[in-house]
Amino acid sequence: MIERILKDLGRINGVSGSLVVGKDGLIIESEVPTDIDSELVAAMASAVFGTAERSAEEMKHEPLQQVMIEGSRGKTLMIDAGEGILVVIADIDINLGLIRIEMRRSAERVVEFLT
């Protein structure tokens, strides 16, 4: 189940939440703290990822692998998951190598559930 995948990601040090959202911006599954508006995150992640996909195509960098938004207080990472997008909300000091590996593995599992 996708819920199990998100719970596993949540056990990684520095991960504060994760979601799987449809390319249409609707939540498929969510594991985020109550102070985060998951519907808003889903809609924005879909918009950002879609724009990044189109940009990657235009620059001949397709297929897009990952998008990261980095702020002074945290990071949001997004990776393609077939019919969905896997979104991870993380602390600023998260181990990027580790989370990218785990996100790739998790996205492969999500694809299996969504197809």
Protein backbone atom coordinates (compact mmCIF):
# COMPACT_ATOMS: atom_id res chain seq x y z
CA MET A 1 0.00 0.00 0.00
CA ILE A 2 1.04 3.55 -0.69
CA GLU A 3 0.38 4.47 2.94
CA ARG A 4 3.10 2.01 4.01
CA ILE A 5 5.57 3.54 1.52
CA LEU A 6 4.98 7.02 2.95
CA LYS A 7 5.29 5.79 6.53
CA ASP A 8 8.63 4.18 5.63
CA LEU A 9 9.86 7.46 4.13
CA GLY A 10 8.74 9.25 7.30
CA ARG A 11 11.16 7.14 9.34
CA ILE A 12 14.14 8.68 7.54
CA ASN A 13 15.89 11.28 9.67
CA GLY A 14 14.97 14.73 8.40
CA VAL A 15 11.71 13.80 6.60
CA SER A 16 8.78 15.72 8.04
CA GLY A 17 6.10 14.56 5.60
CA SER A 18 5.35 12.95 2.25
CA LEU A 19 2.56 12.66 -0.26
CA VAL A 20 1.66 10.96 -3.48
CA VAL A 21 -0.34 13.30 -5.66
CA GLY A 22 -1.91 12.86 -9.05
CA LYS A 23 -0.64 14.85 -12.00
CA ASP A 24 -3.96 16.69 -11.67
CA GLY A 25 -2.98 17.93 -8.19
CA LEU A 26 -5.33 15.73 -6.19
CA ILE A 27 -4.04 13.79 -3.19
CA ILE A 28 -3.71 10.05 -3.63
CA GLU A 29 -2.15 9.45 -0.20
CA SER A 30 -0.68 11.76 2.41
CA GLU A 31 1.42 11.54 5.58
CA VAL A 32 2.03 15.13 6.66
CA PRO A 33 1.88 17.00 9.97
CA THR A 34 -1.40 18.73 10.77
CA ASP A 35 0.17 22.18 10.43
CA ILE A 36 0.77 21.58 6.71
CA ASP A 37 -2.11 22.07 4.27
CA SER A 38 -1.71 18.86 2.26
CA GLU A 39 -4.25 19.88 -0.39
CA LEU A 40 -2.36 23.10 -1.06
CA VAL A 41 0.97 21.24 -1.16
CA ALA A 42 -0.51 18.72 -3.61
CA ALA A 43 -1.83 21.38 -5.96
CA MET A 44 1.40 23.37 -5.88
CA ALA A 45 3.58 20.27 -6.32
CA SER A 46 1.58 19.27 -9.37
CA ALA A 47 1.93 22.74 -10.88
CA VAL A 48 5.67 22.97 -10.14
CA PHE A 49 6.39 19.46 -11.41
CA GLY A 50 4.33 19.98 -14.57
CA THR A 51 6.13 23.23 -15.34
CA ALA A 52 9.52 21.59 -14.69
CA GLU A 53 8.60 18.69 -17.03
CA ARG A 54 7.73 21.11 -19.83
CA SER A 55 10.92 23.09 -19.18
CA ALA A 56 13.04 19.93 -19.26
CA GLU A 57 11.48 18.96 -22.58
CA GLU A 58 12.12 22.39 -24.05
CA MET A 59 15.77 22.30 -22.92
CA LYS A 60 16.17 18.72 -24.21
CA HIS A 61 16.80 17.44 -20.66
CA GLU A 62 13.88 15.01 -20.60
CA PRO A 63 12.76 12.88 -19.03
CA LEU A 64 12.62 14.92 -15.84
CA GLN A 65 13.93 12.95 -12.89
CA GLN A 66 13.50 15.16 -9.86
CA VAL A 67 12.60 18.66 -8.73
CA MET A 68 13.81 20.26 -5.52
CA ILE A 69 12.64 23.47 -3.89
CA GLU A 70 15.11 24.67 -1.29
CA GLY A 71 14.29 27.38 1.23
CA SER A 72 16.08 28.63 4.30
CA ARG A 73 13.99 26.35 6.55
CA GLY A 74 13.57 23.20 4.49
CA LYS A 75 13.43 21.37 1.20
CA THR A 76 10.64 19.87 -0.86
CA LEU A 77 11.61 17.12 -3.28
CA MET A 78 9.43 15.70 -6.05
CA ILE A 79 9.99 12.67 -8.24
CA ASP A 80 7.91 11.15 -11.03
CA ALA A 81 5.87 8.13 -9.97
CA GLY A 82 4.10 7.16 -13.17
CA GLU A 83 0.54 8.45 -12.85
CA GLY A 84 1.56 10.35 -9.74
CA ILE A 85 4.24 12.47 -8.14
CA LEU A 86 6.02 11.46 -4.93
CA VAL A 87 6.56 14.56 -2.77
CA VAL A 88 8.82 14.64 0.30
CA ILE A 89 8.95 17.58 2.71
CA ALA A 90 12.29 17.63 4.51
CA ASP A 91 14.46 19.53 6.94
CA ILE A 92 17.16 21.79 5.54
CA ASP A 93 19.97 19.46 6.65
CA ILE A 94 18.58 16.20 5.24
CA ASN A 95 21.06 13.83 3.62
CA LEU A 96 20.20 14.47 -0.03
CA GLY A 97 21.99 11.38 -1.34
CA LEU A 98 20.08 9.08 0.98
CA ILE A 99 16.68 10.66 0.40
CA ARG A 100 17.12 10.62 -3.38
CA ILE A 101 17.92 6.91 -3.32
CA GLU A 102 14.97 6.17 -1.06
CA MET A 103 12.65 8.31 -3.15
CA ARG A 104 13.64 6.46 -6.34
CA ARG A 105 12.94 3.12 -4.66
CA SER A 106 9.67 4.38 -3.23
CA ALA A 107 8.55 5.87 -6.56
CA GLU A 108 9.07 2.49 -8.24
CA ARG A 109 6.81 0.90 -5.63
CA VAL A 110 4.19 3.64 -6.08
CA VAL A 111 4.18 3.07 -9.84
CA GLU A 112 3.31 -0.59 -9.22
CA PHE A 113 0.27 0.41 -7.16
CA LEU A 114 -0.93 3.06 -9.57
CA THR A 115 -0.79 0.90 -12.72
